[in-house]
Amino acid sequence: MRKIKLEILSLSYSQTHSSSFTLVLIEPKKNKKLPIIIGSAEAQSIAMQLEKMVSPRPLSHDIIKSFADKFAIQVTEIIIYNLIEGVFFSKLICNNGGQEEEIDSRTSDAVAIALRFNCPIYTYDFILSTAGILLEDDVLEDLQKENEADDNSNIHDPQTEFSSYTSDELKHQLNKALEEEDYERATQLRDEIAKRKNT
């Protein structure tokens, strides 16, 4: 199975999930985005590493890095290898100089660790096909024109709203959410579209 390299695009506070954040990974060549909801502690750990900030006391992921360094263990890559009912599954690929091991991990922890080891983040094509979101340039231009005449994009009850949408309207709203970089709403719309496909 071909691995696809991802990069961190953004990390932002979630407006729909209390005390959560949205981590957005991207496949640069195809501009395909993979939004993942993560906890506040993991978000803080990722943000501090991205900003090159040093905590007064080591965070959990810093301790893992120090422990691995002491025993000459390297994390060579992380792989987001599965998606089940909206939950991403990841693993750390580790090497002690002679033996490679795979360690199961939450995706948020895996990304925080990948940043500390400066190692690549990968996923598989079926993950991006299922959960990735792609916004093409021509769609973006159309949405910008429509937004000039439409001021009703803020909706407060996603479940009620989604049930009244046709599949085409869901796709339209998904593209609009992406154009506005509202990845939380985009994730909800993506999941609703996927749910309808499976019913």
N, C-alpha and C. Protein backbone atom coordinates (compact mmCIF):
# COMPACT_ATOMS: atom_id res chain seq x y z
N MET A 1 0.84 -1.18 0.00
CA MET A 1 0.00 0.00 0.00
C MET A 1 0.88 1.25 0.00
N ARG A 2 0.61 2.16 -0.92
CA ARG A 2 1.45 3.35 -1.06
C ARG A 2 1.22 4.35 0.07
N LYS A 3 2.31 4.81 0.67
CA LYS A 3 2.23 5.80 1.72
C LYS A 3 2.21 7.20 1.11
N ILE A 4 1.44 8.09 1.72
CA ILE A 4 1.34 9.48 1.26
C ILE A 4 1.82 10.38 2.38
N LYS A 5 2.77 11.24 2.07
CA LYS A 5 3.34 12.13 3.07
C LYS A 5 2.42 13.32 3.33
N LEU A 6 2.27 13.66 4.60
CA LEU A 6 1.44 14.78 5.01
C LEU A 6 2.27 15.83 5.74
N GLU A 7 1.79 17.05 5.71
CA GLU A 7 2.41 18.13 6.48
C GLU A 7 1.35 18.80 7.34
N ILE A 8 1.77 19.47 8.39
CA ILE A 8 0.83 20.19 9.24
C ILE A 8 0.49 21.52 8.57
N LEU A 9 -0.81 21.74 8.36
CA LEU A 9 -1.27 22.99 7.74
C LEU A 9 -1.67 24.00 8.81
N SER A 10 -2.47 23.56 9.79
CA SER A 10 -2.93 24.51 10.80
C SER A 10 -3.41 23.78 12.05
N LEU A 11 -3.52 24.55 13.12
CA LEU A 11 -4.05 24.06 14.39
C LEU A 11 -4.90 25.19 14.96
N SER A 12 -6.19 24.92 15.17
CA SER A 12 -7.08 25.99 15.62
C SER A 12 -8.07 25.47 16.64
N TYR A 13 -8.61 26.40 17.45
CA TYR A 13 -9.57 26.04 18.49
C TYR A 13 -10.87 25.59 17.86
N SER A 14 -11.46 24.55 18.42
CA SER A 14 -12.74 24.03 17.93
C SER A 14 -13.90 24.81 18.52
N GLN A 15 -14.78 25.28 17.66
CA GLN A 15 -15.96 26.02 18.13
C GLN A 15 -17.13 25.09 18.40
N THR A 16 -17.03 23.85 17.95
CA THR A 16 -18.15 22.91 18.12
C THR A 16 -17.85 21.79 19.11
N HIS A 17 -16.57 21.56 19.42
CA HIS A 17 -16.20 20.53 20.39
C HIS A 17 -15.52 21.22 21.57
N SER A 18 -16.15 21.16 22.74
CA SER A 18 -15.62 21.83 23.92
C SER A 18 -14.24 21.32 24.28
N SER A 19 -13.34 22.24 24.55
CA SER A 19 -11.96 21.94 24.97
C SER A 19 -11.20 21.11 23.94
N SER A 20 -11.57 21.25 22.68
CA SER A 20 -10.89 20.50 21.61
C SER A 20 -10.33 21.45 20.56
N PHE A 21 -9.47 20.91 19.72
CA PHE A 21 -8.85 21.68 18.65
C PHE A 21 -8.91 20.88 17.35
N THR A 22 -8.78 21.59 16.25
CA THR A 22 -8.74 20.94 14.95
C THR A 22 -7.33 21.02 14.39
N LEU A 23 -6.73 19.86 14.21
CA LEU A 23 -5.43 19.75 13.56
C LEU A 23 -5.69 19.42 12.10
N VAL A 24 -5.16 20.25 11.20
CA VAL A 24 -5.36 20.01 9.77
C VAL A 24 -4.04 19.61 9.14
N LEU A 25 -4.01 18.40 8.61
CA LEU A 25 -2.86 17.91 7.85
C LEU A 25 -3.17 18.05 6.38
N ILE A 26 -2.14 18.18 5.55
CA ILE A 26 -2.37 18.40 4.12
C ILE A 26 -1.40 17.57 3.29
N GLU A 27 -1.92 17.06 2.18
CA GLU A 27 -1.07 16.44 1.17
C GLU A 27 -0.71 17.55 0.18
N PRO A 28 0.48 18.10 0.26
CA PRO A 28 0.80 19.33 -0.48
C PRO A 28 0.59 19.23 -2.00
N LYS A 29 0.97 18.12 -2.61
CA LYS A 29 0.91 18.03 -4.07
C LYS A 29 -0.52 18.13 -4.60
N LYS A 30 -1.49 17.62 -3.83
CA LYS A 30 -2.87 17.61 -4.30
C LYS A 30 -3.76 18.57 -3.52
N ASN A 31 -3.17 19.28 -2.56
CA ASN A 31 -3.92 20.24 -1.74
C ASN A 31 -5.11 19.57 -1.05
N LYS A 32 -4.95 18.31 -0.65
CA LYS A 32 -6.01 17.58 0.04
C LYS A 32 -5.79 17.69 1.54
N LYS A 33 -6.83 18.14 2.25
CA LYS A 33 -6.71 18.41 3.68
C LYS A 33 -7.36 17.29 4.49
N LEU A 34 -6.74 16.99 5.64
CA LEU A 34 -7.24 15.96 6.54
C LEU A 34 -7.45 16.57 7.92
N PRO A 35 -8.69 16.97 8.26
CA PRO A 35 -8.95 17.57 9.58
C PRO A 35 -9.11 16.47 10.64
N ILE A 36 -8.49 16.69 11.80
CA ILE A 36 -8.55 15.73 12.90
C ILE A 36 -8.83 16.49 14.19
N ILE A 37 -9.85 16.05 14.94
CA ILE A 37 -10.16 16.67 16.22
C ILE A 37 -9.24 16.09 17.29
N ILE A 38 -8.58 16.97 18.06
CA ILE A 38 -7.66 16.50 19.10
C ILE A 38 -7.93 17.23 20.41
N GLY A 39 -7.41 16.70 21.50
CA GLY A 39 -7.60 17.29 22.81
C GLY A 39 -6.71 18.50 23.04
N SER A 40 -7.03 19.25 24.09
CA SER A 40 -6.31 20.50 24.36
C SER A 40 -4.86 20.26 24.79
N ALA A 41 -4.63 19.19 25.56
CA ALA A 41 -3.26 18.92 26.03
C ALA A 41 -2.35 18.59 24.84
N GLU A 42 -2.84 17.75 23.93
CA GLU A 42 -2.05 17.39 22.76
C GLU A 42 -1.87 18.60 21.84
N ALA A 43 -2.92 19.41 21.73
CA ALA A 43 -2.82 20.62 20.90
C ALA A 43 -1.76 21.57 21.45
N GLN A 44 -1.73 21.72 22.77
CA GLN A 44 -0.72 22.58 23.39
C GLN A 44 0.68 22.05 23.11
N SER A 45 0.86 20.74 23.22
CA SER A 45 2.16 20.12 22.98
C SER A 45 2.61 20.32 21.54
N ILE A 46 1.68 20.17 20.60
CA ILE A 46 1.99 20.37 19.18
C ILE A 46 2.32 21.84 18.92
N ALA A 47 1.49 22.73 19.46
CA ALA A 47 1.68 24.17 19.24
C ALA A 47 3.02 24.65 19.79
N MET A 48 3.38 24.18 20.96
CA MET A 48 4.65 24.61 21.56
C MET A 48 5.84 24.16 20.71
N GLN A 49 5.74 22.97 20.15
CA GLN A 49 6.83 22.49 19.31
C GLN A 49 6.88 23.25 17.98
N LEU A 50 5.71 23.55 17.42
CA LEU A 50 5.67 24.32 16.17
C LEU A 50 6.26 25.72 16.36
N GLU A 51 6.00 26.29 17.54
CA GLU A 51 6.47 27.65 17.82
C GLU A 51 7.87 27.66 18.44
N LYS A 52 8.47 26.48 18.58
CA LYS A 52 9.81 26.35 19.18
C LYS A 52 9.86 26.91 20.60
N MET A 53 8.76 26.72 21.34
CA MET A 53 8.71 27.17 22.72
C MET A 53 9.16 26.04 23.64
N VAL A 54 9.76 26.41 24.76
CA VAL A 54 10.24 25.42 25.72
C VAL A 54 9.42 25.55 27.01
N SER A 55 8.84 24.43 27.44
CA SER A 55 8.06 24.43 28.67
C SER A 55 9.00 24.49 29.88
N PRO A 56 8.59 25.19 30.95
CA PRO A 56 9.43 25.23 32.16
C PRO A 56 9.71 23.84 32.71
N ARG A 57 8.72 22.95 32.60
CA ARG A 57 8.89 21.56 32.97
C ARG A 57 8.53 20.71 31.76
N PRO A 58 9.21 19.57 31.55
CA PRO A 58 8.96 18.79 30.33
C PRO A 58 7.53 18.26 30.24
N LEU A 59 6.95 18.38 29.05
CA LEU A 59 5.64 17.79 28.79
C LEU A 59 5.81 16.29 28.54
N SER A 60 4.71 15.57 28.51
CA SER A 60 4.77 14.10 28.33
C SER A 60 5.54 13.71 27.08
N HIS A 61 5.32 14.44 25.97
CA HIS A 61 5.99 14.10 24.72
C HIS A 61 7.48 14.43 24.78
N ASP A 62 7.83 15.44 25.58
CA ASP A 62 9.25 15.75 25.79
C ASP A 62 9.94 14.63 26.56
N ILE A 63 9.21 14.07 27.52
CA ILE A 63 9.77 12.96 28.31
C ILE A 63 9.99 11.74 27.42
N ILE A 64 9.04 11.48 26.54
CA ILE A 64 9.19 10.35 25.60
C ILE A 64 10.44 10.54 24.75
N LYS A 65 10.64 11.77 24.28
CA LYS A 65 11.82 12.05 23.45
C LYS A 65 13.10 11.86 24.26
N SER A 66 13.14 12.36 25.48
CA SER A 66 14.33 12.21 26.32
C SER A 66 14.60 10.74 26.64
N PHE A 67 13.54 10.00 26.94
CA PHE A 67 13.67 8.57 27.24
C PHE A 67 14.24 7.83 26.03
N ALA A 68 13.69 8.12 24.84
CA ALA A 68 14.16 7.46 23.62
C ALA A 68 15.62 7.80 23.34
N ASP A 69 15.99 9.06 23.55
CA ASP A 69 17.38 9.47 23.32
C ASP A 69 18.35 8.73 24.24
N LYS A 70 17.94 8.55 25.51
CA LYS A 70 18.81 7.88 26.47
C LYS A 70 19.11 6.44 26.07
N PHE A 71 18.13 5.81 25.41
CA PHE A 71 18.29 4.40 25.04
C PHE A 71 18.52 4.22 23.53
N ALA A 72 18.92 5.31 22.87
CA ALA A 72 19.28 5.27 21.45
C ALA A 72 18.16 4.71 20.58
N ILE A 73 16.94 5.16 20.86
CA ILE A 73 15.77 4.76 20.05
C ILE A 73 15.35 5.94 19.21
N GLN A 74 15.14 5.70 17.95
CA GLN A 74 14.68 6.72 17.02
C GLN A 74 13.27 6.42 16.54
N VAL A 75 12.42 7.45 16.48
CA VAL A 75 11.13 7.31 15.79
C VAL A 75 11.39 7.81 14.37
N THR A 76 11.30 6.91 13.42
CA THR A 76 11.68 7.24 12.04
C THR A 76 10.52 7.79 11.22
N GLU A 77 9.28 7.42 11.59
CA GLU A 77 8.10 7.94 10.90
C GLU A 77 6.87 7.58 11.70
N ILE A 78 5.78 8.29 11.42
CA ILE A 78 4.49 7.87 11.96
C ILE A 78 3.55 7.64 10.78
N ILE A 79 2.61 6.71 10.99
CA ILE A 79 1.66 6.38 9.93
C ILE A 79 0.24 6.41 10.49
N ILE A 80 -0.61 7.21 9.89
CA ILE A 80 -2.04 7.16 10.19
C ILE A 80 -2.60 6.05 9.31
N TYR A 81 -2.86 4.90 9.92
CA TYR A 81 -3.08 3.70 9.11
C TYR A 81 -4.53 3.24 9.00
N ASN A 82 -5.43 3.82 9.83
CA ASN A 82 -6.81 3.37 9.72
C ASN A 82 -7.76 4.45 10.22
N LEU A 83 -9.02 4.31 9.82
CA LEU A 83 -10.09 5.22 10.24
C LEU A 83 -11.33 4.38 10.46
N ILE A 84 -11.79 4.32 11.71
CA ILE A 84 -12.96 3.51 12.05
C ILE A 84 -13.95 4.37 12.81
N GLU A 85 -15.14 4.55 12.24
CA GLU A 85 -16.21 5.33 12.86
C GLU A 85 -15.73 6.71 13.30
N GLY A 86 -14.97 7.36 12.44
CA GLY A 86 -14.50 8.72 12.71
C GLY A 86 -13.26 8.82 13.57
N VAL A 87 -12.72 7.68 14.00
CA VAL A 87 -11.52 7.68 14.85
C VAL A 87 -10.31 7.26 14.02
N PHE A 88 -9.27 8.10 14.04
CA PHE A 88 -8.03 7.79 13.32
C PHE A 88 -7.12 6.93 14.19
N PHE A 89 -6.47 5.95 13.56
CA PHE A 89 -5.52 5.09 14.25
C PHE A 89 -4.13 5.30 13.66
N SER A 90 -3.15 5.44 14.55
CA SER A 90 -1.78 5.72 14.10
C SER A 90 -0.79 4.79 14.79
N LYS A 91 0.41 4.74 14.25
CA LYS A 91 1.48 3.97 14.88
C LYS A 91 2.81 4.68 14.66
N LEU A 92 3.70 4.49 15.64
CA LEU A 92 5.05 5.01 15.56
C LEU A 92 5.95 3.90 15.02
N ILE A 93 6.77 4.23 14.05
CA ILE A 93 7.77 3.28 13.55
C ILE A 93 9.08 3.65 14.22
N CYS A 94 9.59 2.73 15.05
CA CYS A 94 10.77 2.99 15.87
C CYS A 94 11.92 2.06 15.49
N ASN A 95 13.15 2.53 15.75
CA ASN A 95 14.34 1.74 15.45
C ASN A 95 15.40 2.01 16.51
N ASN A 96 16.02 0.94 17.02
CA ASN A 96 17.09 1.10 18.00
C ASN A 96 18.47 0.86 17.39
N GLY A 97 18.52 0.94 16.08
CA GLY A 97 19.79 0.73 15.39
C GLY A 97 19.92 -0.65 14.78
N GLY A 98 19.03 -1.54 15.16
CA GLY A 98 19.11 -2.88 14.59
C GLY A 98 17.77 -3.55 14.42
N GLN A 99 16.77 -3.08 15.14
CA GLN A 99 15.46 -3.72 15.10
C GLN A 99 14.37 -2.66 14.98
N GLU A 100 13.44 -2.89 14.07
CA GLU A 100 12.33 -1.96 13.87
C GLU A 100 11.10 -2.47 14.59
N GLU A 101 10.41 -1.57 15.28
CA GLU A 101 9.20 -1.92 16.01
C GLU A 101 8.10 -0.92 15.67
N GLU A 102 6.85 -1.39 15.75
CA GLU A 102 5.70 -0.53 15.56
C GLU A 102 4.95 -0.40 16.89
N ILE A 103 4.62 0.84 17.25
CA ILE A 103 3.93 1.09 18.51
C ILE A 103 2.63 1.83 18.22
N ASP A 104 1.53 1.28 18.70
CA ASP A 104 0.22 1.91 18.50
C ASP A 104 0.15 3.23 19.25
N SER A 105 -0.54 4.21 18.66
CA SER A 105 -0.59 5.53 19.27
C SER A 105 -1.85 6.28 18.83
N ARG A 106 -2.33 7.16 19.69
CA ARG A 106 -3.35 8.11 19.25
C ARG A 106 -2.69 9.03 18.23
N THR A 107 -3.45 9.48 17.27
CA THR A 107 -2.89 10.31 16.20
C THR A 107 -2.34 11.63 16.75
N SER A 108 -3.02 12.23 17.70
CA SER A 108 -2.55 13.50 18.27
C SER A 108 -1.20 13.32 18.95
N ASP A 109 -1.04 12.23 19.70
CA ASP A 109 0.24 11.95 20.34
C ASP A 109 1.32 11.66 19.30
N ALA A 110 0.94 10.90 18.27
CA ALA A 110 1.91 10.55 17.23
C ALA A 110 2.45 11.79 16.53
N VAL A 111 1.57 12.75 16.25
CA VAL A 111 2.01 13.99 15.59
C VAL A 111 2.93 14.78 16.51
N ALA A 112 2.57 14.88 17.79
CA ALA A 112 3.41 15.61 18.75
C ALA A 112 4.80 14.97 18.86
N ILE A 113 4.85 13.65 18.82
CA ILE A 113 6.13 12.94 18.88
C ILE A 113 6.90 13.11 17.57
N ALA A 114 6.20 13.06 16.44
CA ALA A 114 6.86 13.24 15.14
C ALA A 114 7.58 14.58 15.06
N LEU A 115 6.96 15.61 15.62
CA LEU A 115 7.58 16.94 15.61
C LEU A 115 8.87 16.94 16.42
N ARG A 116 8.89 16.23 17.52
CA ARG A 116 10.08 16.20 18.37
C ARG A 116 11.21 15.38 17.76
N PHE A 117 10.88 14.38 16.98
CA PHE A 117 11.89 13.58 16.32
C PHE A 117 12.18 14.06 14.89
N ASN A 118 11.45 15.10 14.49
CA ASN A 118 11.62 15.65 13.14
C ASN A 118 11.48 14.54 12.08
N CYS A 119 10.47 13.70 12.27
CA CYS A 119 10.27 12.60 11.32
C CYS A 119 8.98 12.83 10.52
N PRO A 120 8.86 12.17 9.37
CA PRO A 120 7.70 12.40 8.49
C PRO A 120 6.42 11.77 9.01
N ILE A 121 5.31 12.34 8.57
CA ILE A 121 3.96 11.85 8.87
C ILE A 121 3.38 11.29 7.58
N TYR A 122 2.89 10.06 7.63
CA TYR A 122 2.33 9.42 6.44
C TYR A 122 0.91 8.94 6.71
N THR A 123 0.18 8.73 5.62
CA THR A 123 -1.10 8.03 5.68
C THR A 123 -1.23 7.24 4.39
N TYR A 124 -2.36 6.57 4.24
CA TYR A 124 -2.62 5.79 3.03
C TYR A 124 -3.71 6.45 2.20
N ASP A 125 -3.75 6.10 0.94
CA ASP A 125 -4.69 6.72 0.02
C ASP A 125 -6.14 6.53 0.45
N PHE A 126 -6.47 5.35 0.99
CA PHE A 126 -7.87 5.11 1.35
C PHE A 126 -8.32 6.01 2.50
N ILE A 127 -7.37 6.43 3.35
CA ILE A 127 -7.71 7.36 4.43
C ILE A 127 -8.07 8.72 3.84
N LEU A 128 -7.25 9.20 2.91
CA LEU A 128 -7.53 10.49 2.29
C LEU A 128 -8.78 10.43 1.43
N SER A 129 -9.02 9.30 0.79
CA SER A 129 -10.22 9.16 -0.03
C SER A 129 -11.48 9.20 0.84
N THR A 130 -11.37 8.64 2.04
CA THR A 130 -12.52 8.58 2.95
C THR A 130 -12.71 9.88 3.71
N ALA A 131 -11.63 10.44 4.24
CA ALA A 131 -11.75 11.57 5.17
C ALA A 131 -11.11 12.85 4.68
N GLY A 132 -10.36 12.78 3.59
CA GLY A 132 -9.71 13.98 3.07
C GLY A 132 -10.70 14.91 2.39
N ILE A 133 -10.36 16.18 2.38
CA ILE A 133 -11.23 17.19 1.78
C ILE A 133 -10.41 17.98 0.77
N LEU A 134 -10.93 18.07 -0.46
CA LEU A 134 -10.22 18.76 -1.53
C LEU A 134 -11.06 19.93 -2.02
N LEU A 135 -10.44 21.10 -2.08
CA LEU A 135 -11.12 22.28 -2.62
C LEU A 135 -10.35 22.76 -3.83
N GLU A 136 -10.98 22.68 -4.99
CA GLU A 136 -10.31 23.08 -6.23
C GLU A 136 -10.48 24.58 -6.47
N ASP A 137 -9.55 25.13 -7.23
CA ASP A 137 -9.53 26.59 -7.44
C ASP A 137 -10.81 27.11 -8.09
N ASP A 138 -11.35 26.38 -9.08
CA ASP A 138 -12.54 26.87 -9.78
C ASP A 138 -13.76 26.86 -8.86
N VAL A 139 -13.83 25.87 -7.94
CA VAL A 139 -14.91 25.84 -6.96
C VAL A 139 -14.79 27.02 -6.02
N LEU A 140 -13.57 27.34 -5.62
CA LEU A 140 -13.33 28.47 -4.73
C LEU A 140 -13.82 29.77 -5.36
N GLU A 141 -13.54 29.98 -6.64
CA GLU A 141 -13.98 31.20 -7.32
C GLU A 141 -15.50 31.30 -7.35
N ASP A 142 -16.18 30.20 -7.64
CA ASP A 142 -17.64 30.19 -7.67
C ASP A 142 -18.21 30.53 -6.30
N LEU A 143 -17.61 29.95 -5.26
CA LEU A 143 -18.12 30.20 -3.92
C LEU A 143 -17.92 31.65 -3.49
N GLN A 144 -16.82 32.25 -3.91
CA GLN A 144 -16.58 33.65 -3.56
C GLN A 144 -17.64 34.55 -4.19
N LYS A 145 -18.05 34.24 -5.41
CA LYS A 145 -19.11 35.01 -6.07
C LYS A 145 -20.44 34.85 -5.36
N GLU A 146 -20.74 33.59 -4.97
CA GLU A 146 -22.00 33.31 -4.29
C GLU A 146 -22.05 33.98 -2.92
N ASN A 147 -20.92 34.04 -2.25
CA ASN A 147 -20.89 34.60 -0.90
C ASN A 147 -21.17 36.09 -0.88
N GLU A 148 -20.96 36.77 -2.00
CA GLU A 148 -21.24 38.20 -2.08
C GLU A 148 -22.74 38.45 -1.96
N ALA A 149 -23.54 37.47 -2.38
CA ALA A 149 -24.99 37.64 -2.34
C ALA A 149 -25.66 36.79 -1.26
N ASP A 150 -24.88 36.09 -0.47
CA ASP A 150 -25.44 35.16 0.53
C ASP A 150 -24.81 35.42 1.88
N ASP A 151 -25.62 35.93 2.82
CA ASP A 151 -25.12 36.23 4.15
C ASP A 151 -25.65 35.24 5.19
N ASN A 152 -26.16 34.10 4.75
CA ASN A 152 -26.79 33.17 5.67
C ASN A 152 -25.96 31.91 5.87
N SER A 153 -24.66 32.07 5.98
CA SER A 153 -23.78 30.89 6.09
C SER A 153 -23.60 30.40 7.53
N ASN A 154 -24.01 31.19 8.53
CA ASN A 154 -23.82 30.77 9.93
C ASN A 154 -25.05 30.04 10.43
N ILE A 155 -24.94 28.75 10.66
CA ILE A 155 -26.05 27.92 11.09
C ILE A 155 -25.68 27.31 12.43
N HIS A 156 -26.61 27.28 13.39
CA HIS A 156 -26.26 26.94 14.77
C HIS A 156 -26.62 25.51 15.16
N ASP A 157 -27.40 24.82 14.35
CA ASP A 157 -27.81 23.45 14.70
C ASP A 157 -27.50 22.52 13.53
N PRO A 158 -26.24 22.02 13.45
CA PRO A 158 -25.82 21.21 12.31
C PRO A 158 -26.67 19.98 12.07
N GLN A 159 -27.08 19.27 13.14
CA GLN A 159 -27.83 18.03 12.94
C GLN A 159 -29.18 18.30 12.28
N THR A 160 -29.89 19.32 12.76
CA THR A 160 -31.18 19.67 12.15
C THR A 160 -30.97 20.15 10.73
N GLU A 161 -29.96 20.96 10.54
CA GLU A 161 -29.69 21.50 9.21
C GLU A 161 -29.34 20.40 8.21
N PHE A 162 -28.46 19.50 8.60
CA PHE A 162 -28.00 18.46 7.68
C PHE A 162 -29.13 17.55 7.24
N SER A 163 -30.07 17.27 8.13
CA SER A 163 -31.16 16.36 7.78
C SER A 163 -32.05 16.94 6.69
N SER A 164 -32.06 18.25 6.56
CA SER A 164 -32.91 18.88 5.54
C SER A 164 -32.19 19.10 4.21
N TYR A 165 -30.89 18.82 4.17
CA TYR A 165 -30.11 19.04 2.96
C TYR A 165 -30.15 17.83 2.03
N THR A 166 -30.16 18.11 0.74
CA THR A 166 -29.94 17.05 -0.24
C THR A 166 -28.44 16.77 -0.29
N SER A 167 -28.05 15.69 -0.96
CA SER A 167 -26.63 15.36 -1.08
C SER A 167 -25.86 16.47 -1.78
N ASP A 168 -26.46 17.04 -2.84
CA ASP A 168 -25.79 18.12 -3.56
C ASP A 168 -25.62 19.35 -2.69
N GLU A 169 -26.63 19.64 -1.86
CA GLU A 169 -26.53 20.80 -0.96
C GLU A 169 -25.45 20.57 0.10
N LEU A 170 -25.33 19.33 0.57
CA LEU A 170 -24.27 19.02 1.54
C LEU A 170 -22.90 19.28 0.93
N LYS A 171 -22.71 18.85 -0.32
CA LYS A 171 -21.43 19.06 -1.00
C LYS A 171 -21.16 20.56 -1.19
N HIS A 172 -22.21 21.29 -1.52
CA HIS A 172 -22.07 22.74 -1.69
C HIS A 172 -21.65 23.39 -0.37
N GLN A 173 -22.30 22.99 0.74
CA GLN A 173 -21.97 23.55 2.04
C GLN A 173 -20.56 23.14 2.48
N LEU A 174 -20.15 21.93 2.10
CA LEU A 174 -18.79 21.48 2.39
C LEU A 174 -17.77 22.38 1.72
N ASN A 175 -17.98 22.67 0.46
CA ASN A 175 -17.06 23.55 -0.27
C ASN A 175 -17.05 24.96 0.32
N LYS A 176 -18.22 25.42 0.75
CA LYS A 176 -18.28 26.74 1.36
C LYS A 176 -17.51 26.78 2.68
N ALA A 177 -17.65 25.73 3.49
CA ALA A 177 -16.92 25.66 4.76
C ALA A 177 -15.42 25.64 4.52
N LEU A 178 -14.99 24.94 3.48
CA LEU A 178 -13.57 24.90 3.15
C LEU A 178 -13.06 26.26 2.69
N GLU A 179 -13.87 26.93 1.89
CA GLU A 179 -13.47 28.24 1.40
C GLU A 179 -13.28 29.22 2.56
N GLU A 180 -14.10 29.03 3.60
CA GLU A 180 -14.01 29.89 4.79
C GLU A 180 -13.02 29.35 5.82
N GLU A 181 -12.36 28.22 5.48
CA GLU A 181 -11.41 27.56 6.38
C GLU A 181 -12.06 27.17 7.71
N ASP A 182 -13.36 26.84 7.65
CA ASP A 182 -14.08 26.36 8.82
C ASP A 182 -14.00 24.84 8.81
N TYR A 183 -12.88 24.31 9.26
CA TYR A 183 -12.63 22.87 9.14
C TYR A 183 -13.48 22.04 10.09
N GLU A 184 -13.94 22.65 11.18
CA GLU A 184 -14.84 21.93 12.08
C GLU A 184 -16.14 21.60 11.35
N ARG A 185 -16.72 22.60 10.73
CA ARG A 185 -17.98 22.40 10.00
C ARG A 185 -17.74 21.48 8.80
N ALA A 186 -16.61 21.65 8.15
CA ALA A 186 -16.28 20.79 7.00
C ALA A 186 -16.21 19.33 7.42
N THR A 187 -15.65 19.08 8.59
CA THR A 187 -15.56 17.70 9.09
C THR A 187 -16.95 17.12 9.34
N GLN A 188 -17.84 17.92 9.92
CA GLN A 188 -19.21 17.45 10.17
C GLN A 188 -19.92 17.14 8.86
N LEU A 189 -19.77 18.03 7.89
CA LEU A 189 -20.40 17.81 6.58
C LEU A 189 -19.82 16.59 5.88
N ARG A 190 -18.50 16.45 5.95
CA ARG A 190 -17.85 15.29 5.34
C ARG A 190 -18.39 13.99 5.92
N ASP A 191 -18.54 13.96 7.26
CA ASP A 191 -19.04 12.75 7.92
C ASP A 191 -20.49 12.46 7.55
N GLU A 192 -21.29 13.51 7.41
CA GLU A 192 -22.69 13.32 7.01
C GLU A 192 -22.79 12.77 5.59
N ILE A 193 -21.93 13.27 4.70
CA ILE A 193 -21.91 12.77 3.32
C ILE A 193 -21.50 11.30 3.30
N ALA A 194 -20.48 10.97 4.08
CA ALA A 194 -20.01 9.57 4.14
C ALA A 194 -21.09 8.66 4.73
N LYS A 195 -21.82 9.16 5.75
CA LYS A 195 -22.86 8.37 6.38
C LYS A 195 -23.97 8.04 5.39
N ARG A 196 -24.34 9.02 4.58
CA ARG A 196 -25.39 8.79 3.59
C ARG A 196 -24.97 7.79 2.52
N LYS A 197 -23.68 7.81 2.17
CA LYS A 197 -23.19 6.87 1.18
C LYS A 197 -23.27 5.43 1.67
N ASN A 198 -23.16 5.26 3.00
CA ASN A 198 -23.16 3.92 3.58
C ASN A 198 -24.53 3.41 3.95
N THR A 199 -25.56 4.23 3.71
CA THR A 199 -26.93 3.81 4.06
C THR A 199 -27.73 3.48 2.81
